[in-house]
């Protein structure tokens, strides 16, 4: 199997496309420990796992670029760059008033 690094597939569509069961993890010819792009090697479980929200690419080494965030960078911030978190989206704003 050859993976396409630019393709954005959901986990379910990827599993359907390559015919794996939910307990199986896709493997690729390239990537660390044969993990496909948007997956990383987990030392504890000894298998490839989906990137955590906010990360993409080979071994999950890239953060989502602004204005995108979240799982597979599929969500889009509607706030300014300085308050858009690459994993969670727009941060709650505060009034700057401190209560002591």
PDB file of N, CA and C in Angstrom:
ATOM      1  N   UNK A   1       0.841  -1.184   0.000  1.00  0.00           N
ATOM      2  CA  UNK A   1       0.000   0.000   0.000  1.00  0.00           C
ATOM      3  C   UNK A   1       0.880   1.240   0.000  1.00  0.00           C
ATOM      4  N   UNK A   2       0.518   2.228  -0.770  1.00  0.00           N
ATOM      5  CA  UNK A   2       1.227   3.497  -0.796  1.00  0.00           C
ATOM      6  C   UNK A   2       0.297   4.574  -0.287  1.00  0.00           C
ATOM      7  N   UNK A   3       0.763   5.396   0.651  1.00  0.00           N
ATOM      8  CA  UNK A   3      -0.071   6.456   1.212  1.00  0.00           C
ATOM      9  C   UNK A   3       0.134   7.746   0.445  1.00  0.00           C
ATOM     10  N   UNK A   4      -0.897   8.552   0.410  1.00  0.00           N
ATOM     11  CA  UNK A   4      -0.817   9.861  -0.212  1.00  0.00           C
ATOM     12  C   UNK A   4      -0.750  10.893   0.895  1.00  0.00           C
ATOM     13  N   UNK A   5       0.349  11.640   0.986  1.00  0.00           N
ATOM     14  CA  UNK A   5       0.530  12.577   2.087  1.00  0.00           C
ATOM     15  C   UNK A   5      -0.414  13.772   2.010  1.00  0.00           C
ATOM     16  N   UNK A   6      -0.903  14.128   0.844  1.00  0.00           N
ATOM     17  CA  UNK A   6      -1.778  15.286   0.715  1.00  0.00           C
ATOM     18  C   UNK A   6      -3.252  14.935   0.876  1.00  0.00           C
ATOM     19  N   UNK A   7      -3.576  13.656   0.902  1.00  0.00           N
ATOM     20  CA  UNK A   7      -4.974  13.249   0.999  1.00  0.00           C
ATOM     21  C   UNK A   7      -5.486  13.474   2.406  1.00  0.00           C
ATOM     22  N   UNK A   8      -6.708  13.945   2.517  1.00  0.00           N
ATOM     23  CA  UNK A   8      -7.361  14.145   3.817  1.00  0.00           C
ATOM     24  C   UNK A   8      -8.531  13.171   3.876  1.00  0.00           C
ATOM     25  N   UNK A   9      -8.327  12.070   4.542  1.00  0.00           N
ATOM     26  CA  UNK A   9      -9.368  11.068   4.673  1.00  0.00           C
ATOM     27  C   UNK A   9      -9.746  10.939   6.137  1.00  0.00           C
ATOM     28  N   UNK A  10     -11.009  10.685   6.395  1.00  0.00           N
ATOM     29  CA  UNK A  10     -11.395  10.383   7.763  1.00  0.00           C
ATOM     30  C   UNK A  10     -10.915   8.978   8.079  1.00  0.00           C
ATOM     31  N   UNK A  11     -10.809   8.670   9.348  1.00  0.00           N
ATOM     32  CA  UNK A  11     -10.360   7.339   9.744  1.00  0.00           C
ATOM     33  C   UNK A  11     -11.278   6.271   9.160  1.00  0.00           C
ATOM     34  N   UNK A  12     -12.600   6.512   9.228  1.00  0.00           N
ATOM     35  CA  UNK A  12     -13.548   5.522   8.717  1.00  0.00           C
ATOM     36  C   UNK A  12     -13.405   5.345   7.209  1.00  0.00           C
ATOM     37  N   UNK A  13     -13.269   6.440   6.454  1.00  0.00           N
ATOM     38  CA  UNK A  13     -13.140   6.297   5.009  1.00  0.00           C
ATOM     39  C   UNK A  13     -11.819   5.631   4.645  1.00  0.00           C
ATOM     40  N   UNK A  14     -10.777   5.884   5.433  1.00  0.00           N
ATOM     41  CA  UNK A  14      -9.498   5.220   5.198  1.00  0.00           C
ATOM     42  C   UNK A  14      -9.647   3.720   5.446  1.00  0.00           C
ATOM     43  N   UNK A  15     -10.312   3.362   6.536  1.00  0.00           N
ATOM     44  CA  UNK A  15     -10.521   1.952   6.830  1.00  0.00           C
ATOM     45  C   UNK A  15     -11.369   1.286   5.758  1.00  0.00           C
ATOM     46  N   UNK A  16     -12.407   1.964   5.286  1.00  0.00           N
ATOM     47  CA  UNK A  16     -13.248   1.410   4.228  1.00  0.00           C
ATOM     48  C   UNK A  16     -12.462   1.244   2.933  1.00  0.00           C
ATOM     49  N   UNK A  17     -11.611   2.217   2.624  1.00  0.00           N
ATOM     50  CA  UNK A  17     -10.857   2.192   1.373  1.00  0.00           C
ATOM     51  C   UNK A  17      -9.852   1.044   1.327  1.00  0.00           C
ATOM     52  N   UNK A  18      -9.241   0.748   2.467  1.00  0.00           N
ATOM     53  CA  UNK A  18      -8.222  -0.304   2.457  1.00  0.00           C
ATOM     54  C   UNK A  18      -8.713  -1.604   3.072  1.00  0.00           C
ATOM     55  N   UNK A  19      -9.982  -1.613   3.533  1.00  0.00           N
ATOM     56  CA  UNK A  19     -10.591  -2.840   4.020  1.00  0.00           C
ATOM     57  C   UNK A  19     -10.037  -3.349   5.338  1.00  0.00           C
ATOM     58  N   UNK A  20      -9.759  -2.478   6.275  1.00  0.00           N
ATOM     59  CA  UNK A  20      -9.282  -2.930   7.583  1.00  0.00           C
ATOM     60  C   UNK A  20     -10.406  -2.865   8.597  1.00  0.00           C
ATOM     61  N   UNK A  21     -10.285  -3.666   9.622  1.00  0.00           N
ATOM     62  CA  UNK A  21     -11.239  -3.636  10.723  1.00  0.00           C
ATOM     63  C   UNK A  21     -10.825  -2.532  11.679  1.00  0.00           C
ATOM     64  N   UNK A  22     -11.745  -2.106  12.539  1.00  0.00           N
ATOM     65  CA  UNK A  22     -11.485  -0.977  13.433  1.00  0.00           C
ATOM     66  C   UNK A  22     -10.291  -1.220  14.343  1.00  0.00           C
ATOM     67  N   UNK A  23      -9.939  -2.471  14.628  1.00  0.00           N
ATOM     68  CA  UNK A  23      -8.813  -2.752  15.504  1.00  0.00           C
ATOM     69  C   UNK A  23      -7.480  -2.745  14.758  1.00  0.00           C
ATOM     70  N   UNK A  24      -7.523  -2.717  13.428  1.00  0.00           N
ATOM     71  CA  UNK A  24      -6.307  -2.717  12.636  1.00  0.00           C
ATOM     72  C   UNK A  24      -5.896  -1.285  12.312  1.00  0.00           C
ATOM     73  N   UNK A  25      -4.598  -1.062  12.228  1.00  0.00           N
ATOM     74  CA  UNK A  25      -4.048   0.252  11.928  1.00  0.00           C
ATOM     75  C   UNK A  25      -3.396   0.193  10.549  1.00  0.00           C
ATOM     76  N   UNK A  26      -3.670   1.182   9.674  1.00  0.00           N
ATOM     77  CA  UNK A  26      -3.043   1.156   8.343  1.00  0.00           C
ATOM     78  C   UNK A  26      -1.529   1.287   8.438  1.00  0.00           C
ATOM     79  N   UNK A  27      -0.822   0.613   7.564  1.00  0.00           N
ATOM     80  CA  UNK A  27       0.636   0.675   7.492  1.00  0.00           C
ATOM     81  C   UNK A  27       1.028   1.212   6.123  1.00  0.00           C
ATOM     82  N   UNK A  28       2.133   1.943   6.084  1.00  0.00           N
ATOM     83  CA  UNK A  28       2.635   2.504   4.834  1.00  0.00           C
ATOM     84  C   UNK A  28       4.095   2.126   4.654  1.00  0.00           C
ATOM     85  N   UNK A  29       4.563   2.223   3.435  1.00  0.00           N
ATOM     86  CA  UNK A  29       5.952   1.901   3.134  1.00  0.00           C
ATOM     87  C   UNK A  29       6.901   2.964   3.665  1.00  0.00           C
ATOM     88  N   UNK A  30       6.411   4.191   3.790  1.00  0.00           N
ATOM     89  CA  UNK A  30       7.242   5.272   4.308  1.00  0.00           C
ATOM     90  C   UNK A  30       6.734   5.684   5.677  1.00  0.00           C
ATOM     91  N   UNK A  31       7.498   6.470   6.380  1.00  0.00           N
ATOM     92  CA  UNK A  31       7.092   6.924   7.703  1.00  0.00           C
ATOM     93  C   UNK A  31       7.778   6.125   8.794  1.00  0.00           C
ATOM     94  N   UNK A  32       7.914   6.727   9.953  1.00  0.00           N
ATOM     95  CA  UNK A  32       8.563   6.076  11.085  1.00  0.00           C
ATOM     96  C   UNK A  32       7.778   4.845  11.507  1.00  0.00           C
ATOM     97  N   UNK A  33       8.447   3.718  11.621  1.00  0.00           N
ATOM     98  CA  UNK A  33       7.833   2.436  12.002  1.00  0.00           C
ATOM     99  C   UNK A  33       6.675   2.072  11.081  1.00  0.00           C
ATOM    100  N   UNK A  34       6.723   2.517   9.832  1.00  0.00           N
ATOM    101  CA  UNK A  34       5.697   2.257   8.818  1.00  0.00           C
ATOM    102  C   UNK A  34       4.348   2.892   9.132  1.00  0.00           C
ATOM    103  N   UNK A  35       4.343   3.956   9.937  1.00  0.00           N
ATOM    104  CA  UNK A  35       3.100   4.675  10.213  1.00  0.00           C
ATOM    105  C   UNK A  35       2.774   5.593   9.041  1.00  0.00           C
ATOM    106  N   UNK A  36       1.526   5.593   8.619  1.00  0.00           N
ATOM    107  CA  UNK A  36       1.067   6.477   7.551  1.00  0.00           C
ATOM    108  C   UNK A  36       1.076   7.930   8.020  1.00  0.00           C
ATOM    109  N   UNK A  37       1.097   8.880   7.069  1.00  0.00           N
ATOM    110  CA  UNK A  37       0.935  10.280   7.457  1.00  0.00           C
ATOM    111  C   UNK A  37      -0.347  10.443   8.274  1.00  0.00           C
ATOM    112  N   UNK A  38      -0.300  11.332   9.251  1.00  0.00           N
ATOM    113  CA  UNK A  38      -1.391  11.598  10.186  1.00  0.00           C
ATOM    114  C   UNK A  38      -1.538  10.502  11.243  1.00  0.00           C
ATOM    115  N   UNK A  39      -0.503   9.675  11.372  1.00  0.00           N
ATOM    116  CA  UNK A  39      -0.381   8.682  12.432  1.00  0.00           C
ATOM    117  C   UNK A  39       1.021   8.792  13.016  1.00  0.00           C
ATOM    118  N   UNK A  40       1.180   8.374  14.283  1.00  0.00           N
ATOM    119  CA  UNK A  40       2.497   8.373  14.920  1.00  0.00           C
ATOM    120  C   UNK A  40       2.674   7.080  15.696  1.00  0.00           C
ATOM    121  N   UNK A  41       3.927   6.728  15.953  1.00  0.00           N
ATOM    122  CA  UNK A  41       4.247   5.515  16.682  1.00  0.00           C
ATOM    123  C   UNK A  41       4.095   5.758  18.173  1.00  0.00           C
ATOM    124  N   UNK A  42       3.333   4.884  18.834  1.00  0.00           N
ATOM    125  CA  UNK A  42       3.166   4.957  20.276  1.00  0.00           C
ATOM    126  C   UNK A  42       4.063   3.899  20.908  1.00  0.00           C
ATOM    127  N   UNK A  43       5.024   4.348  21.687  1.00  0.00           N
ATOM    128  CA  UNK A  43       6.003   3.431  22.293  1.00  0.00           C
ATOM    129  C   UNK A  43       5.321   2.463  23.256  1.00  0.00           C
ATOM    130  N   UNK A  44       4.354   2.953  24.017  1.00  0.00           N
ATOM    131  CA  UNK A  44       3.683   2.100  25.013  1.00  0.00           C
ATOM    132  C   UNK A  44       2.857   0.994  24.370  1.00  0.00           C
ATOM    133  N   UNK A  45       2.029   1.366  23.389  1.00  0.00           N
ATOM    134  CA  UNK A  45       1.152   0.367  22.772  1.00  0.00           C
ATOM    135  C   UNK A  45       1.842  -0.396  21.639  1.00  0.00           C
ATOM    136  N   UNK A  46       3.008   0.106  21.213  1.00  0.00           N
ATOM    137  CA  UNK A  46       3.768  -0.517  20.123  1.00  0.00           C
ATOM    138  C   UNK A  46       2.960  -0.610  18.834  1.00  0.00           C
ATOM    139  N   UNK A  47       2.248   0.501  18.523  1.00  0.00           N
ATOM    140  CA  UNK A  47       1.503   0.554  17.265  1.00  0.00           C
ATOM    141  C   UNK A  47       1.332   1.999  16.816  1.00  0.00           C
ATOM    142  N   UNK A  48       0.946   2.167  15.569  1.00  0.00           N
ATOM    143  CA  UNK A  48       0.664   3.497  15.038  1.00  0.00           C
ATOM    144  C   UNK A  48      -0.683   3.959  15.578  1.00  0.00           C
ATOM    145  N   UNK A  49      -0.749   5.236  15.928  1.00  0.00           N
ATOM    146  CA  UNK A  49      -1.993   5.821  16.421  1.00  0.00           C
ATOM    147  C   UNK A  49      -2.259   7.125  15.705  1.00  0.00           C
ATOM    148  N   UNK A  50      -3.534   7.460  15.565  1.00  0.00           N
ATOM    149  CA  UNK A  50      -3.966   8.703  14.924  1.00  0.00           C
ATOM    150  C   UNK A  50      -3.363   9.892  15.654  1.00  0.00           C
ATOM    151  N   UNK A  51      -3.004  10.929  14.922  1.00  0.00           N
ATOM    152  CA  UNK A  51      -2.474  12.154  15.535  1.00  0.00           C
ATOM    153  C   UNK A  51      -3.482  12.736  16.511  1.00  0.00           C
ATOM    154  N   UNK A  52      -2.977  13.359  17.559  1.00  0.00           N
ATOM    155  CA  UNK A  52      -3.857  14.075  18.477  1.00  0.00           C
ATOM    156  C   UNK A  52      -4.342  15.339  17.771  1.00  0.00           C
ATOM    157  N   UNK A  53      -5.510  15.856  18.178  1.00  0.00           N
ATOM    158  CA  UNK A  53      -6.039  17.061  17.529  1.00  0.00           C
ATOM    159  C   UNK A  53      -5.011  18.200  17.526  1.00  0.00           C
ATOM    160  N   UNK A  54      -4.881  18.819  16.356  1.00  0.00           N
ATOM    161  CA  UNK A  54      -3.942  19.929  16.196  1.00  0.00           C
ATOM    162  C   UNK A  54      -2.656  19.552  15.496  1.00  0.00           C
ATOM    163  N   UNK A  55      -2.444  18.276  15.266  1.00  0.00           N
ATOM    164  CA  UNK A  55      -1.226  17.806  14.620  1.00  0.00           C
ATOM    165  C   UNK A  55      -1.565  16.981  13.384  1.00  0.00           C
ATOM    166  N   UNK A  56      -0.699  17.073  12.377  1.00  0.00           N
ATOM    167  CA  UNK A  56      -0.870  16.336  11.128  1.00  0.00           C
ATOM    168  C   UNK A  56       0.498  15.945  10.591  1.00  0.00           C
ATOM    169  N   UNK A  57       0.495  15.180   9.512  1.00  0.00           N
ATOM    170  CA  UNK A  57       1.717  14.888   8.779  1.00  0.00           C
ATOM    171  C   UNK A  57       2.427  13.629   9.241  1.00  0.00           C
ATOM    172  N   UNK A  58       3.628  13.448   8.703  1.00  0.00           N
ATOM    173  CA  UNK A  58       4.437  12.288   9.029  1.00  0.00           C
ATOM    174  C   UNK A  58       4.832  12.355  10.500  1.00  0.00           C
ATOM    175  N   UNK A  59       4.539  11.307  11.220  1.00  0.00           N
ATOM    176  CA  UNK A  59       4.805  11.205  12.656  1.00  0.00           C
ATOM    177  C   UNK A  59       4.163  12.356  13.444  1.00  0.00           C
ATOM    178  N   UNK A  60       3.107  12.929  12.888  1.00  0.00           N
ATOM    179  CA  UNK A  60       2.358  14.021  13.555  1.00  0.00           C
ATOM    180  C   UNK A  60       3.275  15.176  13.938  1.00  0.00           C
ATOM    181  N   UNK A  61       4.202  15.491  13.064  1.00  0.00           N
ATOM    182  CA  UNK A  61       5.238  16.475  13.382  1.00  0.00           C
ATOM    183  C   UNK A  61       4.873  17.913  13.016  1.00  0.00           C
ATOM    184  N   UNK A  62       3.726  18.127  12.393  1.00  0.00           N
ATOM    185  CA  UNK A  62       3.330  19.486  11.999  1.00  0.00           C
ATOM    186  C   UNK A  62       2.067  19.919  12.731  1.00  0.00           C
ATOM    187  N   UNK A  63       2.076  21.164  13.196  1.00  0.00           N
ATOM    188  CA  UNK A  63       0.879  21.738  13.805  1.00  0.00           C
ATOM    189  C   UNK A  63      -0.046  22.220  12.697  1.00  0.00           C
ATOM    190  N   UNK A  64      -1.337  22.274  12.995  1.00  0.00           N
ATOM    191  CA  UNK A  64      -2.288  22.812  12.028  1.00  0.00           C
ATOM    192  C   UNK A  64      -1.922  24.270  11.737  1.00  0.00           C
ATOM    193  N   UNK A  65      -1.919  24.662  10.464  1.00  0.00           N
ATOM    194  CA  UNK A  65      -1.639  26.061  10.125  1.00  0.00           C
ATOM    195  C   UNK A  65      -2.876  26.932  10.373  1.00  0.00           C
ATOM    196  N   UNK A  66      -2.658  28.152  10.826  1.00  0.00           N
ATOM    197  CA  UNK A  66      -3.761  29.093  11.022  1.00  0.00           C
ATOM    198  C   UNK A  66      -4.462  29.315   9.692  1.00  0.00           C
ATOM    199  N   UNK A  67      -5.745  29.329   9.637  1.00  0.00           N
ATOM    200  CA  UNK A  67      -6.745  29.384  10.696  1.00  0.00           C
ATOM    201  C   UNK A  67      -7.329  28.026  11.070  1.00  0.00           C
ATOM    202  N   UNK A  68      -6.679  26.939  10.704  1.00  0.00           N
ATOM    203  CA  UNK A  68      -7.246  25.614  10.939  1.00  0.00           C
ATOM    204  C   UNK A  68      -6.804  25.049  12.280  1.00  0.00           C
ATOM    205  N   UNK A  69      -7.640  24.151  12.828  1.00  0.00           N
ATOM    206  CA  UNK A  69      -7.327  23.519  14.110  1.00  0.00           C
ATOM    207  C   UNK A  69      -8.063  22.192  14.237  1.00  0.00           C
ATOM    208  N   UNK A  70      -7.706  21.443  15.269  1.00  0.00           N
ATOM    209  CA  UNK A  70      -8.447  20.236  15.633  1.00  0.00           C
ATOM    210  C   UNK A  70      -8.032  18.985  14.898  1.00  0.00           C
ATOM    211  N   UNK A  71      -8.901  17.970  14.974  1.00  0.00           N
ATOM    212  CA  UNK A  71      -8.628  16.682  14.356  1.00  0.00           C
ATOM    213  C   UNK A  71      -8.487  16.836  12.844  1.00  0.00           C
ATOM    214  N   UNK A  72      -7.366  16.390  12.335  1.00  0.00           N
ATOM    215  CA  UNK A  72      -7.038  16.473  10.901  1.00  0.00           C
ATOM    216  C   UNK A  72      -7.094  17.909  10.366  1.00  0.00           C
ATOM    217  N   UNK A  73      -7.024  18.893  11.258  1.00  0.00           N
ATOM    218  CA  UNK A  73      -7.064  20.321  10.872  1.00  0.00           C
ATOM    219  C   UNK A  73      -8.315  20.634  10.051  1.00  0.00           C
ATOM    220  N   UNK A  74      -9.424  19.999  10.381  1.00  0.00           N
ATOM    221  CA  UNK A  74     -10.649  20.154   9.613  1.00  0.00           C
ATOM    222  C   UNK A  74     -11.536  21.295  10.088  1.00  0.00           C
ATOM    223  N   UNK A  75     -11.247  21.867  11.258  1.00  0.00           N
ATOM    224  CA  UNK A  75     -12.053  22.988  11.758  1.00  0.00           C
ATOM    225  C   UNK A  75     -11.324  24.297  11.488  1.00  0.00           C
ATOM    226  N   UNK A  76     -12.081  25.389  11.446  1.00  0.00           N
ATOM    227  CA  UNK A  76     -11.501  26.682  11.091  1.00  0.00           C
ATOM    228  C   UNK A  76     -11.846  27.727  12.150  1.00  0.00           C
ATOM    229  N   UNK A  77     -10.815  28.417  12.644  1.00  0.00           N
ATOM    230  CA  UNK A  77     -11.013  29.487  13.627  1.00  0.00           C
ATOM    231  C   UNK A  77     -11.685  30.683  12.962  1.00  0.00           C
ATOM    232  N   UNK A  78     -12.565  31.333  13.712  1.00  0.00           N
ATOM    233  CA  UNK A  78     -13.163  32.579  13.232  1.00  0.00           C
ATOM    234  C   UNK A  78     -12.748  33.721  14.161  1.00  0.00           C
ATOM    235  N   UNK A  79     -11.496  33.636  14.617  1.00  0.00           N
ATOM    236  CA  UNK A  79     -10.942  34.647  15.517  1.00  0.00           C
ATOM    237  C   UNK A  79      -9.530  35.002  15.027  1.00  0.00           C
ATOM    238  N   UNK A  80      -8.898  35.917  15.722  1.00  0.00           N
ATOM    239  CA  UNK A  80      -7.555  36.342  15.337  1.00  0.00           C
ATOM    240  C   UNK A  80      -6.527  35.254  15.633  1.00  0.00           C
ATOM    241  N   UNK A  81      -5.435  35.290  14.904  1.00  0.00           N
ATOM    242  CA  UNK A  81      -4.394  34.280  15.006  1.00  0.00           C
ATOM    243  C   UNK A  81      -3.857  34.132  16.424  1.00  0.00           C
ATOM    244  N   UNK A  82      -3.704  35.240  17.145  1.00  0.00           N
ATOM    245  CA  UNK A  82      -3.095  35.168  18.478  1.00  0.00           C
ATOM    246  C   UNK A  82      -3.980  34.487  19.523  1.00  0.00           C
ATOM    247  N   UNK A  83      -5.266  34.282  19.226  1.00  0.00           N
ATOM    248  CA  UNK A  83      -6.123  33.560  20.176  1.00  0.00           C
ATOM    249  C   UNK A  83      -6.680  32.264  19.591  1.00  0.00           C
ATOM    250  N   UNK A  84      -6.195  31.874  18.424  1.00  0.00           N
ATOM    251  CA  UNK A  84      -6.603  30.606  17.809  1.00  0.00           C
ATOM    252  C   UNK A  84      -5.605  29.525  18.210  1.00  0.00           C
ATOM    253  N   UNK A  85      -6.065  28.571  19.006  1.00  0.00           N
ATOM    254  CA  UNK A  85      -5.225  27.453  19.420  1.00  0.00           C
ATOM    255  C   UNK A  85      -5.278  26.376  18.341  1.00  0.00           C
ATOM    256  N   UNK A  86      -4.129  25.863  17.931  1.00  0.00           N
ATOM    257  CA  UNK A  86      -4.064  24.894  16.834  1.00  0.00           C
ATOM    258  C   UNK A  86      -4.771  23.573  17.158  1.00  0.00           C
ATOM    259  N   UNK A  87      -5.016  23.286  18.419  1.00  0.00           N
ATOM    260  CA  UNK A  87      -5.704  22.051  18.767  1.00  0.00           C
ATOM    261  C   UNK A  87      -7.153  22.257  19.208  1.00  0.00           C
ATOM    262  N   UNK A  88      -7.460  23.405  19.834  1.00  0.00           N
ATOM    263  CA  UNK A  88      -8.789  23.606  20.411  1.00  0.00           C
ATOM    264  C   UNK A  88      -9.608  24.724  19.769  1.00  0.00           C
ATOM    265  N   UNK A  89      -9.013  25.530  18.929  1.00  0.00           N
ATOM    266  CA  UNK A  89      -9.746  26.619  18.299  1.00  0.00           C
ATOM    267  C   UNK A  89      -9.629  27.924  19.055  1.00  0.00           C
ATOM    268  N   UNK A  90     -10.620  28.784  18.900  1.00  0.00           N
ATOM    269  CA  UNK A  90     -10.592  30.117  19.501  1.00  0.00           C
ATOM    270  C   UNK A  90     -10.650  30.033  21.021  1.00  0.00           C
ATOM    271  N   UNK A  91      -9.693  30.695  21.650  1.00  0.00           N
ATOM    272  CA  UNK A  91      -9.652  30.730  23.111  1.00  0.00           C
ATOM    273  C   UNK A  91     -10.700  31.708  23.618  1.00  0.00           C
ATOM    274  N   UNK A  92     -11.225  31.426  24.781  1.00  0.00           N
ATOM    275  CA  UNK A  92     -12.184  32.350  25.404  1.00  0.00           C
ATOM    276  C   UNK A  92     -11.451  33.627  25.760  1.00  0.00           C
ATOM    277  N   UNK A  93     -12.081  34.742  25.503  1.00  0.00           N
ATOM    278  CA  UNK A  93     -11.457  36.023  25.836  1.00  0.00           C
ATOM    279  C   UNK A  93     -11.851  36.424  27.246  1.00  0.00           C
ATOM    280  N   UNK A  94     -10.984  37.197  27.882  1.00  0.00           N
ATOM    281  CA  UNK A  94     -11.265  37.666  29.234  1.00  0.00           C
ATOM    282  C   UNK A  94     -11.355  39.177  29.229  1.00  0.00           C
ATOM    283  N   UNK A  95     -11.909  39.734  30.298  1.00  0.00           N
ATOM    284  CA  UNK A  95     -12.067  41.186  30.390  1.00  0.00           C
ATOM    285  C   UNK A  95     -10.819  41.853  30.937  1.00  0.00           C
ATOM    286  N   UNK A  96      -9.915  41.081  31.493  1.00  0.00           N
ATOM    287  CA  UNK A  96      -8.706  41.644  32.064  1.00  0.00           C
ATOM    288  C   UNK A  96      -8.888  42.067  33.510  1.00  0.00           C
ATOM    289  N   UNK A  97     -10.067  41.826  34.078  1.00  0.00           N
ATOM    290  CA  UNK A  97     -10.322  42.157  35.475  1.00  0.00           C
ATOM    291  C   UNK A  97      -9.924  40.981  36.339  1.00  0.00           C
ATOM    292  N   UNK A  98      -9.112  41.235  37.347  1.00  0.00           N
ATOM    293  CA  UNK A  98      -8.655  40.195  38.250  1.00  0.00           C
ATOM    294  C   UNK A  98      -9.352  40.333  39.585  1.00  0.00           C
ATOM    295  N   UNK A  99      -9.816  39.228  40.121  1.00  0.00           N
ATOM    296  CA  UNK A  99     -10.454  39.219  41.429  1.00  0.00           C
ATOM    297  C   UNK A  99      -9.448  38.639  42.419  1.00  0.00           C
ATOM    298  N   UNK A 100      -9.192  39.379  43.485  1.00  0.00           N
ATOM    299  CA  UNK A 100      -8.224  38.923  44.484  1.00  0.00           C
ATOM    300  C   UNK A 100      -8.907  38.474  45.740  1.00  0.00           C
TER     301      UNK A 100
END
